PDB file of N, CA and C in Angstrom:
ATOM      1  N   UNK A   1     -34.322   1.576 -26.659  1.00  0.00           N
ATOM      2  CA  UNK A   1     -34.926   2.818 -26.257  1.00  0.00           C
ATOM      3  C   UNK A   1     -35.595   2.611 -24.896  1.00  0.00           C
ATOM      4  N   UNK A   2     -35.516   3.625 -24.085  1.00  0.00           N
ATOM      5  CA  UNK A   2     -36.130   3.599 -22.764  1.00  0.00           C
ATOM      6  C   UNK A   2     -36.937   4.876 -22.554  1.00  0.00           C
ATOM      7  N   UNK A   3     -38.167   4.707 -22.100  1.00  0.00           N
ATOM      8  CA  UNK A   3     -39.014   5.839 -21.733  1.00  0.00           C
ATOM      9  C   UNK A   3     -39.106   5.831 -20.213  1.00  0.00           C
ATOM     10  N   UNK A   4     -38.756   6.967 -19.587  1.00  0.00           N
ATOM     11  CA  UNK A   4     -38.775   7.059 -18.123  1.00  0.00           C
ATOM     12  C   UNK A   4     -39.663   8.203 -17.665  1.00  0.00           C
ATOM     13  N   UNK A   5     -40.693   7.876 -16.897  1.00  0.00           N
ATOM     14  CA  UNK A   5     -41.550   8.861 -16.233  1.00  0.00           C
ATOM     15  C   UNK A   5     -42.038   9.955 -17.194  1.00  0.00           C
ATOM     16  N   UNK A   6     -42.528   9.542 -18.361  1.00  0.00           N
ATOM     17  CA  UNK A   6     -42.974  10.493 -19.383  1.00  0.00           C
ATOM     18  C   UNK A   6     -44.291  11.147 -18.984  1.00  0.00           C
ATOM     19  N   UNK A   7     -44.326  12.470 -19.096  1.00  0.00           N
ATOM     20  CA  UNK A   7     -45.530  13.269 -18.848  1.00  0.00           C
ATOM     21  C   UNK A   7     -45.750  14.168 -20.069  1.00  0.00           C
ATOM     22  N   UNK A   8     -46.956  14.166 -20.601  1.00  0.00           N
ATOM     23  CA  UNK A   8     -47.309  15.024 -21.739  1.00  0.00           C
ATOM     24  C   UNK A   8     -48.608  15.741 -21.402  1.00  0.00           C
ATOM     25  N   UNK A   9     -48.626  17.052 -21.611  1.00  0.00           N
ATOM     26  CA  UNK A   9     -49.810  17.877 -21.370  1.00  0.00           C
ATOM     27  C   UNK A   9     -50.246  18.551 -22.664  1.00  0.00           C
ATOM     28  N   UNK A  10     -51.533  18.846 -22.752  1.00  0.00           N
ATOM     29  CA  UNK A  10     -52.080  19.673 -23.825  1.00  0.00           C
ATOM     30  C   UNK A  10     -52.535  20.981 -23.196  1.00  0.00           C
ATOM     31  N   UNK A  11     -52.167  22.102 -23.798  1.00  0.00           N
ATOM     32  CA  UNK A  11     -52.617  23.415 -23.333  1.00  0.00           C
ATOM     33  C   UNK A  11     -53.623  23.946 -24.349  1.00  0.00           C
ATOM     34  N   UNK A  12     -54.882  24.037 -23.928  1.00  0.00           N
ATOM     35  CA  UNK A  12     -55.950  24.495 -24.808  1.00  0.00           C
ATOM     36  C   UNK A  12     -56.739  25.606 -24.137  1.00  0.00           C
ATOM     37  N   UNK A  13     -56.733  26.778 -24.752  1.00  0.00           N
ATOM     38  CA  UNK A  13     -57.472  27.933 -24.230  1.00  0.00           C
ATOM     39  C   UNK A  13     -57.146  28.211 -22.766  1.00  0.00           C
ATOM     40  N   UNK A  14     -55.876  28.120 -22.410  1.00  0.00           N
ATOM     41  CA  UNK A  14     -55.449  28.406 -21.047  1.00  0.00           C
ATOM     42  C   UNK A  14     -55.685  27.285 -20.056  1.00  0.00           C
ATOM     43  N   UNK A  15     -56.212  26.179 -20.514  1.00  0.00           N
ATOM     44  CA  UNK A  15     -56.460  25.023 -19.646  1.00  0.00           C
ATOM     45  C   UNK A  15     -55.431  23.948 -19.972  1.00  0.00           C
ATOM     46  N   UNK A  16     -54.805  23.382 -18.943  1.00  0.00           N
ATOM     47  CA  UNK A  16     -53.829  22.317 -19.139  1.00  0.00           C
ATOM     48  C   UNK A  16     -54.515  20.980 -18.898  1.00  0.00           C
ATOM     49  N   UNK A  17     -54.424  20.119 -19.906  1.00  0.00           N
ATOM     50  CA  UNK A  17     -55.048  18.796 -19.837  1.00  0.00           C
ATOM     51  C   UNK A  17     -53.948  17.741 -19.854  1.00  0.00           C
ATOM     52  N   UNK A  18     -53.805  16.978 -18.768  1.00  0.00           N
ATOM     53  CA  UNK A  18     -52.783  15.925 -18.756  1.00  0.00           C
ATOM     54  C   UNK A  18     -53.199  14.765 -19.664  1.00  0.00           C
ATOM     55  N   UNK A  19     -52.272  14.327 -20.527  1.00  0.00           N
ATOM     56  CA  UNK A  19     -52.581  13.227 -21.445  1.00  0.00           C
ATOM     57  C   UNK A  19     -51.808  11.964 -21.087  1.00  0.00           C
ATOM     58  N   UNK A  20     -50.577  12.127 -20.641  1.00  0.00           N
ATOM     59  CA  UNK A  20     -49.730  10.997 -20.237  1.00  0.00           C
ATOM     60  C   UNK A  20     -49.111  11.361 -18.899  1.00  0.00           C
ATOM     61  N   UNK A  21     -49.148  10.441 -17.956  1.00  0.00           N
ATOM     62  CA  UNK A  21     -48.631  10.695 -16.613  1.00  0.00           C
ATOM     63  C   UNK A  21     -47.782   9.537 -16.124  1.00  0.00           C
ATOM     64  N   UNK A  22     -46.459   9.728 -16.108  1.00  0.00           N
ATOM     65  CA  UNK A  22     -45.552   8.779 -15.478  1.00  0.00           C
ATOM     66  C   UNK A  22     -45.370   7.459 -16.211  1.00  0.00           C
ATOM     67  N   UNK A  23     -45.445   7.482 -17.528  1.00  0.00           N
ATOM     68  CA  UNK A  23     -45.273   6.253 -18.304  1.00  0.00           C
ATOM     69  C   UNK A  23     -43.795   5.891 -18.411  1.00  0.00           C
ATOM     70  N   UNK A  24     -43.491   4.626 -18.147  1.00  0.00           N
ATOM     71  CA  UNK A  24     -42.119   4.125 -18.256  1.00  0.00           C
ATOM     72  C   UNK A  24     -42.140   2.733 -18.883  1.00  0.00           C
ATOM     73  N   UNK A  25     -41.222   2.511 -19.821  1.00  0.00           N
ATOM     74  CA  UNK A  25     -41.036   1.179 -20.392  1.00  0.00           C
ATOM     75  C   UNK A  25     -39.718   1.144 -21.162  1.00  0.00           C
ATOM     76  N   UNK A  26     -39.303  -0.057 -21.518  1.00  0.00           N
ATOM     77  CA  UNK A  26     -38.048  -0.248 -22.245  1.00  0.00           C
ATOM     78  C   UNK A  26     -38.318  -1.112 -23.467  1.00  0.00           C
ATOM     79  N   UNK A  27     -37.716  -0.752 -24.592  1.00  0.00           N
ATOM     80  CA  UNK A  27     -37.788  -1.560 -25.805  1.00  0.00           C
ATOM     81  C   UNK A  27     -36.392  -2.137 -26.026  1.00  0.00           C
ATOM     82  N   UNK A  28     -36.207  -3.436 -25.759  1.00  0.00           N
ATOM     83  CA  UNK A  28     -34.878  -4.032 -25.956  1.00  0.00           C
ATOM     84  C   UNK A  28     -34.448  -3.970 -27.424  1.00  0.00           C
ATOM     85  N   UNK A  29     -33.157  -3.852 -27.647  1.00  0.00           N
ATOM     86  CA  UNK A  29     -32.606  -3.776 -28.997  1.00  0.00           C
ATOM     87  C   UNK A  29     -33.079  -4.974 -29.820  1.00  0.00           C
ATOM     88  N   UNK A  30     -33.618  -4.686 -31.005  1.00  0.00           N
ATOM     89  CA  UNK A  30     -34.077  -5.730 -31.910  1.00  0.00           C
ATOM     90  C   UNK A  30     -35.422  -6.335 -31.566  1.00  0.00           C
ATOM     91  N   UNK A  31     -36.107  -5.776 -30.581  1.00  0.00           N
ATOM     92  CA  UNK A  31     -37.399  -6.315 -30.145  1.00  0.00           C
ATOM     93  C   UNK A  31     -38.528  -5.335 -30.456  1.00  0.00           C
ATOM     94  N   UNK A  32     -39.736  -5.825 -30.310  1.00  0.00           N
ATOM     95  CA  UNK A  32     -40.940  -5.027 -30.515  1.00  0.00           C
ATOM     96  C   UNK A  32     -41.729  -4.988 -29.216  1.00  0.00           C
ATOM     97  N   UNK A  33     -42.308  -3.843 -28.915  1.00  0.00           N
ATOM     98  CA  UNK A  33     -43.133  -3.690 -27.719  1.00  0.00           C
ATOM     99  C   UNK A  33     -44.490  -3.149 -28.159  1.00  0.00           C
ATOM    100  N   UNK A  34     -45.547  -3.689 -27.580  1.00  0.00           N
ATOM    101  CA  UNK A  34     -46.900  -3.214 -27.872  1.00  0.00           C
ATOM    102  C   UNK A  34     -47.395  -2.377 -26.697  1.00  0.00           C
ATOM    103  N   UNK A  35     -47.981  -1.230 -27.003  1.00  0.00           N
ATOM    104  CA  UNK A  35     -48.625  -0.401 -25.983  1.00  0.00           C
ATOM    105  C   UNK A  35     -50.095  -0.803 -25.946  1.00  0.00           C
ATOM    106  N   UNK A  36     -50.547  -1.266 -24.802  1.00  0.00           N
ATOM    107  CA  UNK A  36     -51.910  -1.766 -24.659  1.00  0.00           C
ATOM    108  C   UNK A  36     -52.599  -0.995 -23.540  1.00  0.00           C
ATOM    109  N   UNK A  37     -53.833  -0.593 -23.772  1.00  0.00           N
ATOM    110  CA  UNK A  37     -54.588   0.098 -22.735  1.00  0.00           C
ATOM    111  C   UNK A  37     -55.952   0.511 -23.257  1.00  0.00           C
ATOM    112  N   UNK A  38     -56.736   1.030 -22.353  1.00  0.00           N
ATOM    113  CA  UNK A  38     -58.076   1.472 -22.709  1.00  0.00           C
ATOM    114  C   UNK A  38     -58.026   2.673 -23.637  1.00  0.00           C
ATOM    115  N   UNK A  39     -59.124   2.914 -24.320  1.00  0.00           N
ATOM    116  CA  UNK A  39     -59.259   4.093 -25.153  1.00  0.00           C
ATOM    117  C   UNK A  39     -59.056   5.334 -24.286  1.00  0.00           C
ATOM    118  N   UNK A  40     -58.240   6.270 -24.765  1.00  0.00           N
ATOM    119  CA  UNK A  40     -57.994   7.500 -24.015  1.00  0.00           C
ATOM    120  C   UNK A  40     -56.918   7.383 -22.958  1.00  0.00           C
ATOM    121  N   UNK A  41     -56.200   6.262 -22.927  1.00  0.00           N
ATOM    122  CA  UNK A  41     -55.187   6.071 -21.881  1.00  0.00           C
ATOM    123  C   UNK A  41     -53.829   6.699 -22.212  1.00  0.00           C
ATOM    124  N   UNK A  42     -53.658   7.226 -23.433  1.00  0.00           N
ATOM    125  CA  UNK A  42     -52.427   7.925 -23.779  1.00  0.00           C
ATOM    126  C   UNK A  42     -51.467   7.152 -24.666  1.00  0.00           C
ATOM    127  N   UNK A  43     -51.889   6.016 -25.209  1.00  0.00           N
ATOM    128  CA  UNK A  43     -51.007   5.211 -26.059  1.00  0.00           C
ATOM    129  C   UNK A  43     -50.522   5.998 -27.274  1.00  0.00           C
ATOM    130  N   UNK A  44     -51.442   6.619 -27.988  1.00  0.00           N
ATOM    131  CA  UNK A  44     -51.080   7.362 -29.204  1.00  0.00           C
ATOM    132  C   UNK A  44     -50.235   8.578 -28.878  1.00  0.00           C
ATOM    133  N   UNK A  45     -50.556   9.277 -27.809  1.00  0.00           N
ATOM    134  CA  UNK A  45     -49.788  10.465 -27.416  1.00  0.00           C
ATOM    135  C   UNK A  45     -48.362  10.057 -27.037  1.00  0.00           C
ATOM    136  N   UNK A  46     -48.222   8.945 -26.357  1.00  0.00           N
ATOM    137  CA  UNK A  46     -46.896   8.427 -25.997  1.00  0.00           C
ATOM    138  C   UNK A  46     -46.090   8.127 -27.266  1.00  0.00           C
ATOM    139  N   UNK A  47     -46.710   7.441 -28.215  1.00  0.00           N
ATOM    140  CA  UNK A  47     -46.034   7.125 -29.478  1.00  0.00           C
ATOM    141  C   UNK A  47     -45.679   8.395 -30.245  1.00  0.00           C
ATOM    142  N   UNK A  48     -46.586   9.367 -30.258  1.00  0.00           N
ATOM    143  CA  UNK A  48     -46.311  10.633 -30.943  1.00  0.00           C
ATOM    144  C   UNK A  48     -45.130  11.367 -30.302  1.00  0.00           C
ATOM    145  N   UNK A  49     -45.030  11.315 -28.979  1.00  0.00           N
ATOM    146  CA  UNK A  49     -43.908  11.948 -28.280  1.00  0.00           C
ATOM    147  C   UNK A  49     -42.591  11.297 -28.696  1.00  0.00           C
ATOM    148  N   UNK A  50     -42.579   9.981 -28.768  1.00  0.00           N
ATOM    149  CA  UNK A  50     -41.366   9.261 -29.171  1.00  0.00           C
ATOM    150  C   UNK A  50     -40.971   9.617 -30.596  1.00  0.00           C
ATOM    151  N   UNK A  51     -41.955   9.699 -31.486  1.00  0.00           N
ATOM    152  CA  UNK A  51     -41.680   9.979 -32.898  1.00  0.00           C
ATOM    153  C   UNK A  51     -41.462  11.463 -33.193  1.00  0.00           C
ATOM    154  N   UNK A  52     -41.747  12.321 -32.209  1.00  0.00           N
ATOM    155  CA  UNK A  52     -41.574  13.760 -32.408  1.00  0.00           C
ATOM    156  C   UNK A  52     -42.658  14.377 -33.253  1.00  0.00           C
ATOM    157  N   UNK A  53     -43.858  13.801 -33.196  1.00  0.00           N
ATOM    158  CA  UNK A  53     -44.962  14.317 -34.011  1.00  0.00           C
ATOM    159  C   UNK A  53     -46.158  14.725 -33.145  1.00  0.00           C
ATOM    160  N   UNK A  54     -45.873  15.229 -31.949  1.00  0.00           N
ATOM    161  CA  UNK A  54     -46.958  15.717 -31.089  1.00  0.00           C
ATOM    162  C   UNK A  54     -47.642  16.906 -31.755  1.00  0.00           C
ATOM    163  N   UNK A  55     -48.955  17.026 -31.605  1.00  0.00           N
ATOM    164  CA  UNK A  55     -49.645  18.210 -32.119  1.00  0.00           C
ATOM    165  C   UNK A  55     -49.144  19.469 -31.402  1.00  0.00           C
ATOM    166  N   UNK A  56     -49.317  20.620 -32.026  1.00  0.00           N
ATOM    167  CA  UNK A  56     -48.792  21.879 -31.471  1.00  0.00           C
ATOM    168  C   UNK A  56     -49.181  22.168 -30.025  1.00  0.00           C
ATOM    169  N   UNK A  57     -50.420  21.891 -29.592  1.00  0.00           N
ATOM    170  CA  UNK A  57     -50.750  22.220 -28.199  1.00  0.00           C
ATOM    171  C   UNK A  57     -50.133  21.271 -27.167  1.00  0.00           C
ATOM    172  N   UNK A  58     -49.489  20.196 -27.621  1.00  0.00           N
ATOM    173  CA  UNK A  58     -48.932  19.202 -26.690  1.00  0.00           C
ATOM    174  C   UNK A  58     -47.472  19.507 -26.362  1.00  0.00           C
ATOM    175  N   UNK A  59     -47.095  19.235 -25.115  1.00  0.00           N
ATOM    176  CA  UNK A  59     -45.716  19.438 -24.655  1.00  0.00           C
ATOM    177  C   UNK A  59     -45.314  18.304 -23.731  1.00  0.00           C
ATOM    178  N   UNK A  60     -44.069  17.841 -23.896  1.00  0.00           N
ATOM    179  CA  UNK A  60     -43.485  16.923 -22.917  1.00  0.00           C
ATOM    180  C   UNK A  60     -43.099  17.783 -21.730  1.00  0.00           C
ATOM    181  N   UNK A  61     -43.671  17.525 -20.569  1.00  0.00           N
ATOM    182  CA  UNK A  61     -43.420  18.362 -19.406  1.00  0.00           C
ATOM    183  C   UNK A  61     -42.467  17.722 -18.405  1.00  0.00           C
ATOM    184  N   UNK A  62     -42.249  16.414 -18.551  1.00  0.00           N
ATOM    185  CA  UNK A  62     -41.362  15.725 -17.621  1.00  0.00           C
ATOM    186  C   UNK A  62     -40.989  14.381 -18.230  1.00  0.00           C
ATOM    187  N   UNK A  63     -39.839  13.865 -17.835  1.00  0.00           N
ATOM    188  CA  UNK A  63     -39.448  12.527 -18.242  1.00  0.00           C
ATOM    189  C   UNK A  63     -38.348  12.510 -19.285  1.00  0.00           C
ATOM    190  N   UNK A  64     -37.989  11.297 -19.654  1.00  0.00           N
ATOM    191  CA  UNK A  64     -36.911  11.084 -20.616  1.00  0.00           C
ATOM    192  C   UNK A  64     -37.348  10.055 -21.654  1.00  0.00           C
ATOM    193  N   UNK A  65     -36.861  10.259 -22.883  1.00  0.00           N
ATOM    194  CA  UNK A  65     -36.984   9.268 -23.941  1.00  0.00           C
ATOM    195  C   UNK A  65     -35.552   9.022 -24.395  1.00  0.00           C
ATOM    196  N   UNK A  66     -34.950   7.958 -23.902  1.00  0.00           N
ATOM    197  CA  UNK A  66     -33.533   7.695 -24.127  1.00  0.00           C
ATOM    198  C   UNK A  66     -33.349   6.742 -25.308  1.00  0.00           C
ATOM    199  N   UNK A  67     -32.546   7.180 -26.266  1.00  0.00           N
ATOM    200  CA  UNK A  67     -32.267   6.402 -27.470  1.00  0.00           C
ATOM    201  C   UNK A  67     -30.781   6.142 -27.543  1.00  0.00           C
ATOM    202  N   UNK A  68     -30.403   4.891 -27.758  1.00  0.00           N
ATOM    203  CA  UNK A  68     -28.994   4.504 -27.860  1.00  0.00           C
ATOM    204  C   UNK A  68     -28.549   4.656 -29.304  1.00  0.00           C
ATOM    205  N   UNK A  69     -27.789   5.694 -29.547  1.00  0.00           N
ATOM    206  CA  UNK A  69     -27.289   6.011 -30.888  1.00  0.00           C
ATOM    207  C   UNK A  69     -25.827   5.602 -31.010  1.00  0.00           C
ATOM    208  N   UNK A  70     -25.445   4.536 -30.329  1.00  0.00           N
ATOM    209  CA  UNK A  70     -24.043   4.101 -30.314  1.00  0.00           C
ATOM    210  C   UNK A  70     -23.523   3.710 -31.685  1.00  0.00           C
ATOM    211  N   UNK A  71     -24.414   3.331 -32.590  1.00  0.00           N
ATOM    212  CA  UNK A  71     -23.985   2.954 -33.941  1.00  0.00           C
ATOM    213  C   UNK A  71     -23.286   4.119 -34.638  1.00  0.00           C
ATOM    214  N   UNK A  72     -23.612   5.352 -34.256  1.00  0.00           N
ATOM    215  CA  UNK A  72     -22.980   6.540 -34.846  1.00  0.00           C
ATOM    216  C   UNK A  72     -21.768   7.003 -34.065  1.00  0.00           C
ATOM    217  N   UNK A  73     -21.447   6.322 -32.973  1.00  0.00           N
ATOM    218  CA  UNK A  73     -20.355   6.764 -32.115  1.00  0.00           C
ATOM    219  C   UNK A  73     -19.099   7.043 -32.934  1.00  0.00           C
ATOM    220  N   UNK A  74     -18.602   8.244 -32.820  1.00  0.00           N
ATOM    221  CA  UNK A  74     -17.391   8.636 -33.522  1.00  0.00           C
ATOM    222  C   UNK A  74     -17.627   9.161 -34.921  1.00  0.00           C
ATOM    223  N   UNK A  75     -18.816   8.957 -35.468  1.00  0.00           N
ATOM    224  CA  UNK A  75     -19.140   9.472 -36.801  1.00  0.00           C
ATOM    225  C   UNK A  75     -19.845  10.806 -36.640  1.00  0.00           C
ATOM    226  N   UNK A  76     -19.436  11.808 -37.338  1.00  0.00           N
ATOM    227  CA  UNK A  76     -19.956  13.183 -37.268  1.00  0.00           C
ATOM    228  C   UNK A  76     -20.190  13.677 -35.847  1.00  0.00           C
ATOM    229  N   UNK A  77     -19.406  13.220 -34.908  1.00  0.00           N
ATOM    230  CA  UNK A  77     -19.502  13.704 -33.529  1.00  0.00           C
ATOM    231  C   UNK A  77     -20.711  13.190 -32.792  1.00  0.00           C
ATOM    232  N   UNK A  78     -21.468  12.293 -33.397  1.00  0.00           N
ATOM    233  CA  UNK A  78     -22.680  11.783 -32.760  1.00  0.00           C
ATOM    234  C   UNK A  78     -22.421  10.483 -32.022  1.00  0.00           C
ATOM    235  N   UNK A  79     -23.481   9.897 -31.552  1.00  0.00           N
ATOM    236  CA  UNK A  79     -23.397   8.601 -30.901  1.00  0.00           C
ATOM    237  C   UNK A  79     -23.627   8.671 -29.415  1.00  0.00           C
ATOM    238  N   UNK A  80     -23.820   7.510 -28.833  1.00  0.00           N
ATOM    239  CA  UNK A  80     -24.076   7.418 -27.408  1.00  0.00           C
ATOM    240  C   UNK A  80     -25.555   7.520 -27.099  1.00  0.00           C
ATOM    241  N   UNK A  81     -25.864   7.704 -25.839  1.00  0.00           N
ATOM    242  CA  UNK A  81     -27.262   7.801 -25.396  1.00  0.00           C
ATOM    243  C   UNK A  81     -27.719   9.253 -25.532  1.00  0.00           C
ATOM    244  N   UNK A  82     -28.851   9.448 -26.204  1.00  0.00           N
ATOM    245  CA  UNK A  82     -29.408  10.798 -26.313  1.00  0.00           C
ATOM    246  C   UNK A  82     -30.819  10.798 -25.725  1.00  0.00           C
ATOM    247  N   UNK A  83     -31.188  11.911 -25.130  1.00  0.00           N
ATOM    248  CA  UNK A  83     -32.531  12.084 -24.579  1.00  0.00           C
ATOM    249  C   UNK A  83     -33.356  12.831 -25.619  1.00  0.00           C
ATOM    250  N   UNK A  84     -34.177  12.085 -26.350  1.00  0.00           N
ATOM    251  CA  UNK A  84     -34.996  12.668 -27.409  1.00  0.00           C
ATOM    252  C   UNK A  84     -35.927  13.740 -26.852  1.00  0.00           C
ATOM    253  N   UNK A  85     -36.487  13.519 -25.673  1.00  0.00           N
ATOM    254  CA  UNK A  85     -37.405  14.491 -25.064  1.00  0.00           C
ATOM    255  C   UNK A  85     -36.689  15.814 -24.811  1.00  0.00           C
ATOM    256  N   UNK A  86     -35.481  15.749 -24.298  1.00  0.00           N
ATOM    257  CA  UNK A  86     -34.708  16.957 -24.000  1.00  0.00           C
ATOM    258  C   UNK A  86     -34.314  17.669 -25.286  1.00  0.00           C
ATOM    259  N   UNK A  87     -33.899  16.910 -26.305  1.00  0.00           N
ATOM    260  CA  UNK A  87     -33.522  17.485 -27.595  1.00  0.00           C
ATOM    261  C   UNK A  87     -34.688  18.266 -28.197  1.00  0.00           C
ATOM    262  N   UNK A  88     -35.881  17.689 -28.110  1.00  0.00           N
ATOM    263  CA  UNK A  88     -37.058  18.344 -28.699  1.00  0.00           C
ATOM    264  C   UNK A  88     -37.488  19.552 -27.882  1.00  0.00           C
ATOM    265  N   UNK A  89     -37.310  19.493 -26.591  1.00  0.00           N
ATOM    266  CA  UNK A  89     -37.702  20.613 -25.723  1.00  0.00           C
ATOM    267  C   UNK A  89     -36.818  21.828 -25.974  1.00  0.00           C
ATOM    268  N   UNK A  90     -35.560  21.597 -26.346  1.00  0.00           N
ATOM    269  CA  UNK A  90     -34.636  22.703 -26.593  1.00  0.00           C
ATOM    270  C   UNK A  90     -34.623  23.124 -28.063  1.00  0.00           C
ATOM    271  N   UNK A  91     -35.435  22.438 -28.890  1.00  0.00           N
ATOM    272  CA  UNK A  91     -35.546  22.805 -30.296  1.00  0.00           C
ATOM    273  C   UNK A  91     -34.412  22.310 -31.172  1.00  0.00           C
ATOM    274  N   UNK A  92     -33.693  21.305 -30.745  1.00  0.00           N
ATOM    275  CA  UNK A  92     -32.594  20.760 -31.579  1.00  0.00           C
ATOM    276  C   UNK A  92     -33.102  19.804 -32.609  1.00  0.00           C
TER     277      UNK A  92
END
């Protein structure tokens, strides 16, 4: 999985609050990656974006979350690289 230039905003009472700005990293196949940073730096929001469990006021506003679904290639028409962020933005 690869996260490229991820941006997540919260819209509360007409005010936009940036939570994640320009985060990029790669998780090699079969490996584990730890997100490390200060309190309030966006680690949990980044993880929630990847898992598709952002709270209702949150939106991915820019970037890609690329997942290699090659294991499904040819099965039920799926497989290949998919952009999870784009899929969620379009409601798929």
